[in-house]
Amino acid sequence: MNRSFSKVMRTLVVAAGLSLTLASGISFAERTPLVPLPSPSGVDHPLYVPANPSNLSKGDQAQSQPADSSIFTAPNSDPENYVSIPDRQAGVLIQRSGQQWRLIRNGIITVYGGWLLALAFFGVVAMYTFKGSIKLHEPLSGVKVKRFNGFDRLVHWVMAGSFLALAFTGLMILYGKYFALPLMDGLTYGSLLMVCKNIHNFTGPLFTLCIVIFFLLFVRKNIFGEGDIAWLLSFGGIFSGKHIPAGFFNFGEKVWFWFGMTLLGLVISGSGFVLDMIVPFMQIEYLRGTMQIANIIHSSAALLMTAMAMGHIYIGTIGMQGSIDGMKTGYVDATWAKEHHEIWYNKINK
């Protein structure tokens, strides 16, 4: 009986001691301020680094902190350490260059890209407001001239549709948190972005294919030649209103073809393939640094192409009378052909 009682008492004393220890630990933790986490910019908080790290090895702070000062700076650096798993990137605890990518993406690209798009958009609006649609100087003749066949138009409209889908989803991914997120809850916004990402990823290869086909179809007609210098010097007569002879494509359309569609389109496609990890015919290590560089190139080229596309879309629709007829029906009026592409019109009527 006495032995059983002593066992029970010992158990109660141990349990009470553990309970008091746990309670005192919780009370101490609640009263102790938490050390803040490192800032997102990659600059360490002063509480993480001793005031004089060089004095650690001399023993001045040996009682309170370790002697090796490198443990405070090594984790927040890029050197690759040894890991036993196949993932090479796991050897870098904190990638400082990732902070640089974040500053470029959220600072330079987002801010200046937004200004570029705004200037392009309001430039188009100002042009239409003060200049209006470019009208023909003579009445329509009613005579139709074939300009594009059915396959030409199919490739063009598929490329145009895929571009619009990529532009909308890409801008949503880049800028959506500024105007879409405040209008909905986080879950809805996250689901919307997931849909945009999937549309973007699967539409990209179709856009690239259209660029390649369209290039092969019209590369010969976009060689710089007769009439281009005169068009350039007068800027197509858009301000003077004078008639400038041009070939099948004028100088402005050729600039869009070579720089806007071909160069920027292929740069966007190539960097997009890297981001999608589907680069064909070559071996690429899809490391963090590779993806960050590809993202910077992809975003910059896409914003520039979108700004240029605003001018192309404007001139091809409401900015010029009869310009959309060629891609809509395949035929243009003879008056339009003679006024805007006189060199080409004279060649087909010889």
Protein backbone atom coordinates (compact mmCIF):
# COMPACT_ATOMS: atom_id res chain seq x y z
CA MET A 1 0.00 0.00 0.00
CA ASN A 2 2.75 2.43 1.03
CA ARG A 3 4.81 1.37 -2.01
CA SER A 4 1.87 2.00 -4.37
CA PHE A 5 1.21 5.37 -2.75
CA SER A 6 4.84 6.46 -3.19
CA LYS A 7 4.74 5.48 -6.87
CA VAL A 8 1.62 7.55 -7.42
CA MET A 9 3.17 10.56 -5.65
CA ARG A 10 6.37 10.31 -7.73
CA THR A 11 4.28 10.23 -10.93
CA LEU A 12 2.27 13.27 -9.85
CA VAL A 13 5.41 15.22 -8.96
CA VAL A 14 7.04 14.44 -12.32
CA ALA A 15 3.86 15.39 -14.21
CA ALA A 16 3.55 18.63 -12.22
CA GLY A 17 7.18 19.49 -12.92
CA LEU A 18 6.78 18.89 -16.65
CA SER A 19 3.60 20.95 -16.71
CA LEU A 20 5.25 23.86 -14.92
CA THR A 21 8.25 23.69 -17.24
CA LEU A 22 6.02 23.75 -20.33
CA ALA A 23 3.90 26.59 -18.94
CA SER A 24 6.95 28.69 -18.08
CA GLY A 25 8.40 28.06 -21.57
CA ILE A 26 5.20 29.18 -23.24
CA SER A 27 5.02 32.25 -21.02
CA PHE A 28 8.62 33.16 -21.84
CA ALA A 29 8.05 32.68 -25.57
CA GLU A 30 5.01 34.95 -25.48
CA ARG A 31 6.99 37.71 -23.75
CA THR A 32 10.06 37.39 -26.02
CA PRO A 33 9.93 39.43 -29.26
CA LEU A 34 10.46 37.43 -32.44
CA VAL A 35 13.44 38.24 -34.61
CA PRO A 36 12.18 39.54 -37.99
CA LEU A 37 12.84 37.52 -41.14
CA PRO A 38 15.33 38.74 -43.76
CA SER A 39 13.88 41.38 -46.07
CA PRO A 40 12.71 40.36 -49.57
CA SER A 41 15.38 42.53 -51.16
CA GLY A 42 18.08 40.20 -49.87
CA VAL A 43 19.52 42.65 -47.30
CA ASP A 44 20.01 40.92 -43.97
CA HIS A 45 18.40 42.32 -40.85
CA PRO A 46 20.95 43.73 -38.39
CA LEU A 47 19.86 41.28 -35.71
CA TYR A 48 21.18 38.42 -37.82
CA VAL A 49 24.72 39.72 -38.16
CA PRO A 50 26.98 40.65 -35.22
CA ALA A 51 28.08 44.24 -34.90
CA ASN A 52 31.73 43.23 -35.39
CA PRO A 53 31.89 39.85 -37.15
CA SER A 54 35.66 40.10 -37.48
CA ASN A 55 36.05 40.09 -33.71
CA LEU A 56 34.37 36.71 -33.34
CA SER A 57 37.57 34.80 -34.02
CA LYS A 58 39.33 36.85 -31.31
CA GLY A 59 36.95 35.59 -28.65
CA ASP A 60 35.30 38.94 -27.82
CA GLN A 61 31.87 37.44 -28.42
CA ALA A 62 32.75 33.79 -27.97
CA GLN A 63 30.43 33.46 -25.02
CA SER A 64 27.35 34.52 -26.96
CA GLN A 65 28.02 33.63 -30.60
CA PRO A 66 30.07 31.11 -32.60
CA ALA A 67 33.59 31.98 -33.65
CA ASP A 68 33.12 31.53 -37.44
CA SER A 69 31.58 34.71 -38.90
CA SER A 70 30.99 33.08 -42.31
CA ILE A 71 27.90 31.27 -41.08
CA PHE A 72 26.09 34.62 -41.05
CA THR A 73 26.89 35.49 -44.67
CA ALA A 74 27.34 32.15 -46.48
CA PRO A 75 23.65 31.11 -46.49
CA ASN A 76 22.68 34.35 -48.25
CA SER A 77 25.08 33.87 -51.15
CA ASP A 78 25.28 32.00 -54.44
CA PRO A 79 28.13 29.47 -53.93
CA GLU A 80 27.01 25.95 -54.69
CA ASN A 81 27.49 23.55 -51.81
CA TYR A 82 27.55 19.78 -51.87
CA VAL A 83 24.25 17.87 -51.73
CA SER A 84 23.75 14.14 -52.07
CA ILE A 85 20.56 14.40 -54.14
CA PRO A 86 20.53 14.81 -57.96
CA ASP A 87 19.10 18.35 -57.87
CA ARG A 88 22.08 20.70 -58.33
CA GLN A 89 20.06 23.75 -57.34
CA ALA A 90 19.49 22.34 -53.86
CA GLY A 91 23.14 23.17 -53.11
CA VAL A 92 22.34 26.91 -53.13
CA LEU A 93 20.45 27.84 -49.99
CA ILE A 94 19.49 31.38 -51.07
CA GLN A 95 19.91 32.57 -54.66
CA ARG A 96 20.72 36.28 -54.48
CA SER A 97 20.38 36.69 -58.25
CA GLY A 98 16.73 35.74 -57.80
CA GLN A 99 16.28 38.99 -55.89
CA GLN A 100 17.81 40.86 -58.82
CA TRP A 101 15.38 39.13 -61.20
CA ARG A 102 12.49 40.11 -58.93
CA LEU A 103 13.56 43.76 -58.95
CA ILE A 104 13.91 43.76 -62.75
CA ARG A 105 10.59 41.99 -63.27
CA ASN A 106 8.55 44.08 -60.82
CA GLY A 107 10.46 47.30 -61.42
CA ILE A 108 11.94 47.87 -64.85
CA ILE A 109 9.77 45.51 -66.92
CA THR A 110 6.46 46.09 -65.16
CA VAL A 111 6.79 49.86 -64.75
CA TYR A 112 8.43 50.84 -68.03
CA GLY A 113 6.51 48.18 -69.95
CA GLY A 114 3.29 49.65 -68.60
CA TRP A 115 4.33 53.13 -69.73
CA LEU A 116 5.22 51.78 -73.17
CA LEU A 117 1.80 50.18 -73.59
CA ALA A 118 0.06 53.30 -72.31
CA LEU A 119 1.97 55.55 -74.74
CA ALA A 120 1.18 53.22 -77.65
CA PHE A 121 -2.50 53.03 -76.76
CA PHE A 122 -3.01 56.76 -76.21
CA GLY A 123 -0.91 57.46 -79.31
CA VAL A 124 -3.39 55.44 -81.35
CA VAL A 125 -6.31 57.19 -79.66
CA ALA A 126 -4.77 60.61 -80.37
CA MET A 127 -4.12 59.68 -83.99
CA TYR A 128 -7.72 58.62 -84.53
CA THR A 129 -9.07 61.65 -82.63
CA PHE A 130 -7.11 64.33 -84.48
CA LYS A 131 -6.44 62.62 -87.82
CA GLY A 132 -9.32 60.20 -88.17
CA SER A 133 -9.44 57.32 -90.61
CA ILE A 134 -7.30 57.75 -93.72
CA LYS A 135 -9.79 58.13 -96.57
CA LEU A 136 -9.29 57.39 -100.24
CA HIS A 137 -8.81 60.43 -102.46
CA GLU A 138 -11.04 58.98 -105.18
CA PRO A 139 -14.35 57.05 -105.02
CA LEU A 140 -14.34 53.26 -104.96
CA SER A 141 -14.27 51.82 -108.47
CA GLY A 142 -16.15 48.61 -107.73
CA VAL A 143 -13.38 46.63 -109.46
CA LYS A 144 -11.92 43.98 -107.17
CA VAL A 145 -8.25 42.99 -107.19
CA LYS A 146 -7.15 39.74 -105.55
CA ARG A 147 -4.58 40.33 -102.82
CA PHE A 148 -4.57 37.24 -100.55
CA ASN A 149 -5.72 33.65 -101.08
CA GLY A 150 -7.66 31.58 -98.57
CA PHE A 151 -4.61 29.92 -97.01
CA ASP A 152 -2.87 33.27 -96.54
CA ARG A 153 -5.86 34.61 -94.68
CA LEU A 154 -6.28 31.46 -92.59
CA VAL A 155 -2.68 31.63 -91.35
CA HIS A 156 -2.99 35.36 -90.67
CA TRP A 157 -6.19 35.08 -88.63
CA VAL A 158 -4.98 32.07 -86.64
CA MET A 159 -1.78 33.98 -85.87
CA ALA A 160 -3.79 37.09 -84.95
CA GLY A 161 -6.15 35.11 -82.70
CA SER A 162 -3.33 33.28 -80.95
CA PHE A 163 -1.48 36.58 -80.47
CA LEU A 164 -4.52 38.21 -78.85
CA ALA A 165 -4.93 35.21 -76.53
CA LEU A 166 -1.25 35.33 -75.58
CA ALA A 167 -1.30 39.11 -75.09
CA PHE A 168 -4.38 39.04 -72.85
CA THR A 169 -3.22 36.14 -70.69
CA GLY A 170 0.35 37.45 -70.52
CA LEU A 171 -0.77 40.90 -69.42
CA MET A 172 -3.09 39.30 -66.87
CA ILE A 173 -0.18 37.32 -65.43
CA LEU A 174 2.05 40.41 -65.34
CA TYR A 175 -0.44 43.09 -64.27
CA GLY A 176 -3.49 41.19 -63.00
CA LYS A 177 -2.64 41.63 -59.32
CA TYR A 178 -2.95 45.40 -59.74
CA PHE A 179 -6.44 45.60 -61.29
CA ALA A 180 -8.04 42.12 -61.19
CA LEU A 181 -7.13 40.94 -57.69
CA PRO A 182 -8.86 43.89 -55.93
CA LEU A 183 -12.09 42.94 -57.71
CA MET A 184 -12.19 39.33 -56.52
CA ASP A 185 -11.05 37.10 -53.70
CA GLY A 186 -7.68 35.38 -53.75
CA LEU A 187 -9.03 31.94 -54.60
CA THR A 188 -10.94 33.21 -57.64
CA TYR A 189 -7.95 35.23 -58.80
CA GLY A 190 -5.64 32.23 -58.39
CA SER A 191 -7.99 30.05 -60.43
CA LEU A 192 -8.19 32.73 -63.13
CA LEU A 193 -4.41 32.94 -63.34
CA MET A 194 -4.16 29.15 -63.61
CA VAL A 195 -6.54 29.22 -66.58
CA CYS A 196 -4.56 32.08 -68.14
CA LYS A 197 -1.29 30.20 -67.65
CA ASN A 198 -2.61 27.06 -69.34
CA ILE A 199 -4.05 29.05 -72.26
CA HIS A 200 -0.75 30.90 -72.59
CA ASN A 201 1.37 27.76 -72.53
CA PHE A 202 -0.70 25.78 -75.02
CA THR A 203 -1.31 28.68 -77.42
CA GLY A 204 2.38 29.60 -77.66
CA PRO A 205 3.47 26.75 -79.99
CA LEU A 206 0.53 27.49 -82.33
CA PHE A 207 1.62 31.13 -82.53
CA THR A 208 5.18 30.06 -83.35
CA LEU A 209 3.99 27.72 -86.10
CA CYS A 210 1.93 30.52 -87.67
CA ILE A 211 4.94 32.86 -87.61
CA VAL A 212 7.09 30.32 -89.45
CA ILE A 213 4.41 29.61 -92.09
CA PHE A 214 3.58 33.29 -92.60
CA PHE A 215 7.28 34.09 -92.98
CA LEU A 216 7.70 31.46 -95.69
CA LEU A 217 4.60 32.72 -97.50
CA PHE A 218 5.57 36.40 -97.64
CA VAL A 219 9.33 36.69 -97.19
CA ARG A 220 9.91 37.42 -100.89
CA LYS A 221 7.31 40.19 -100.91
CA ASN A 222 8.94 41.85 -97.91
CA ILE A 223 12.38 42.34 -99.44
CA PHE A 224 13.25 46.04 -99.25
CA GLY A 225 13.28 47.66 -102.66
CA GLU A 226 11.57 50.17 -104.92
CA GLY A 227 9.57 52.89 -103.20
CA ASP A 228 10.72 52.10 -99.66
CA ILE A 229 13.10 55.04 -99.26
CA ALA A 230 10.49 57.51 -100.48
CA TRP A 231 7.91 55.99 -98.12
CA LEU A 232 10.35 56.23 -95.20
CA LEU A 233 11.29 59.87 -95.86
CA SER A 234 7.65 60.93 -95.99
CA PHE A 235 6.50 58.49 -93.29
CA GLY A 236 4.00 57.04 -95.72
CA GLY A 237 2.35 60.41 -96.27
CA ILE A 238 0.35 59.91 -93.08
CA PHE A 239 0.83 63.53 -92.01
CA SER A 240 1.10 65.25 -95.39
CA GLY A 241 -1.71 63.27 -97.01
CA LYS A 242 0.33 62.86 -100.18
CA HIS A 243 0.17 59.68 -102.23
CA ILE A 244 3.34 57.53 -101.81
CA PRO A 245 3.80 54.65 -104.30
CA ALA A 246 4.61 51.27 -102.71
CA GLY A 247 4.94 47.64 -103.68
CA PHE A 248 2.85 44.72 -102.39
CA PHE A 249 3.86 45.78 -98.86
CA ASN A 250 4.98 49.29 -97.98
CA PHE A 251 8.02 50.12 -95.84
CA GLY A 252 6.01 50.26 -92.61
CA GLU A 253 4.52 46.83 -93.21
CA LYS A 254 7.99 45.45 -93.96
CA VAL A 255 9.35 46.82 -90.68
CA TRP A 256 6.49 45.12 -88.87
CA PHE A 257 7.15 41.88 -90.81
CA TRP A 258 10.90 41.74 -90.13
CA PHE A 259 11.20 43.29 -86.68
CA GLY A 260 7.78 42.99 -85.08
CA MET A 261 6.55 39.63 -86.33
CA THR A 262 9.71 37.72 -87.25
CA LEU A 263 12.45 38.90 -84.87
CA LEU A 264 10.37 39.67 -81.79
CA GLY A 265 8.00 36.77 -82.52
CA LEU A 266 10.85 34.26 -82.65
CA VAL A 267 12.55 35.74 -79.58
CA ILE A 268 9.26 35.46 -77.68
CA SER A 269 8.76 31.92 -78.96
CA GLY A 270 12.29 30.77 -78.12
CA SER A 271 12.23 32.19 -74.60
CA GLY A 272 8.71 30.81 -74.15
CA PHE A 273 9.89 27.34 -75.09
CA VAL A 274 12.56 27.63 -72.39
CA LEU A 275 9.97 28.67 -69.81
CA ASP A 276 7.74 25.76 -70.90
CA MET A 277 10.78 23.43 -70.84
CA ILE A 278 10.04 22.17 -74.36
CA VAL A 279 13.06 23.38 -76.34
CA PRO A 280 13.50 20.88 -79.22
CA PHE A 281 16.70 19.58 -80.83
CA MET A 282 19.03 20.70 -78.03
CA GLN A 283 19.84 19.93 -74.42
CA ILE A 284 19.19 22.75 -71.95
CA GLU A 285 19.51 22.72 -68.18
CA TYR A 286 16.39 24.45 -66.91
CA LEU A 287 18.02 25.98 -63.84
CA ARG A 288 16.73 29.00 -61.91
CA GLY A 289 19.18 31.36 -63.58
CA THR A 290 18.23 30.11 -67.04
CA MET A 291 14.52 30.55 -66.35
CA GLN A 292 15.02 34.04 -64.91
CA ILE A 293 16.95 35.25 -67.96
CA ALA A 294 14.36 33.66 -70.27
CA ASN A 295 11.57 35.39 -68.33
CA ILE A 296 13.22 38.81 -68.66
CA ILE A 297 13.76 38.33 -72.41
CA HIS A 298 10.25 36.95 -72.92
CA SER A 299 8.48 39.74 -71.04
CA SER A 300 10.51 42.56 -72.62
CA ALA A 301 10.07 41.31 -76.18
CA ALA A 302 6.36 40.57 -75.63
CA LEU A 303 5.64 44.08 -74.32
CA LEU A 304 7.50 45.66 -77.25
CA MET A 305 5.66 43.47 -79.76
CA THR A 306 2.31 44.26 -78.15
CA ALA A 307 2.99 48.00 -78.40
CA MET A 308 3.92 47.66 -82.09
CA ALA A 309 0.89 45.45 -82.74
CA MET A 310 -1.42 48.23 -81.55
CA GLY A 311 -0.29 50.38 -84.47
CA HIS A 312 -0.56 47.47 -86.92
CA ILE A 313 -4.07 46.60 -85.75
CA TYR A 314 -5.16 50.24 -85.86
CA ILE A 315 -3.96 50.83 -89.44
CA GLY A 316 -5.35 47.48 -90.55
CA THR A 317 -8.85 48.16 -89.21
CA ILE A 318 -10.32 51.59 -88.43
CA GLY A 319 -7.22 53.62 -89.23
CA MET A 320 -7.39 53.26 -93.01
CA GLN A 321 -10.38 52.93 -95.29
CA GLY A 322 -10.54 49.56 -97.04
CA SER A 323 -7.38 48.13 -95.47
CA ILE A 324 -9.13 45.22 -93.76
CA ASP A 325 -10.86 44.06 -96.95
CA GLY A 326 -7.80 42.18 -98.18
CA MET A 327 -7.63 39.93 -95.12
CA LYS A 328 -11.40 39.72 -94.76
CA THR A 329 -12.38 38.74 -98.30
CA GLY A 330 -9.06 38.34 -100.09
CA TYR A 331 -9.88 41.20 -102.48
CA VAL A 332 -9.35 44.97 -102.39
CA ASP A 333 -10.85 47.73 -104.49
CA ALA A 334 -8.76 48.86 -107.46
CA THR A 335 -8.83 52.45 -106.19
CA TRP A 336 -7.37 51.35 -102.84
CA ALA A 337 -4.72 49.20 -104.54
CA LYS A 338 -3.64 52.03 -106.82
CA GLU A 339 -3.53 54.63 -104.07
CA HIS A 340 -1.70 52.64 -101.40
CA HIS A 341 0.30 50.09 -103.43
CA GLU A 342 0.67 51.67 -106.84
CA ILE A 343 3.89 49.84 -107.78
CA TRP A 344 2.25 46.47 -107.12
CA TYR A 345 -0.97 47.54 -108.87
CA ASN A 346 0.92 48.61 -112.01
CA LYS A 347 2.81 45.31 -112.13
CA ILE A 348 -0.33 43.15 -112.01
CA ASN A 349 -2.02 45.28 -114.68
CA LYS A 350 0.73 45.19 -117.27
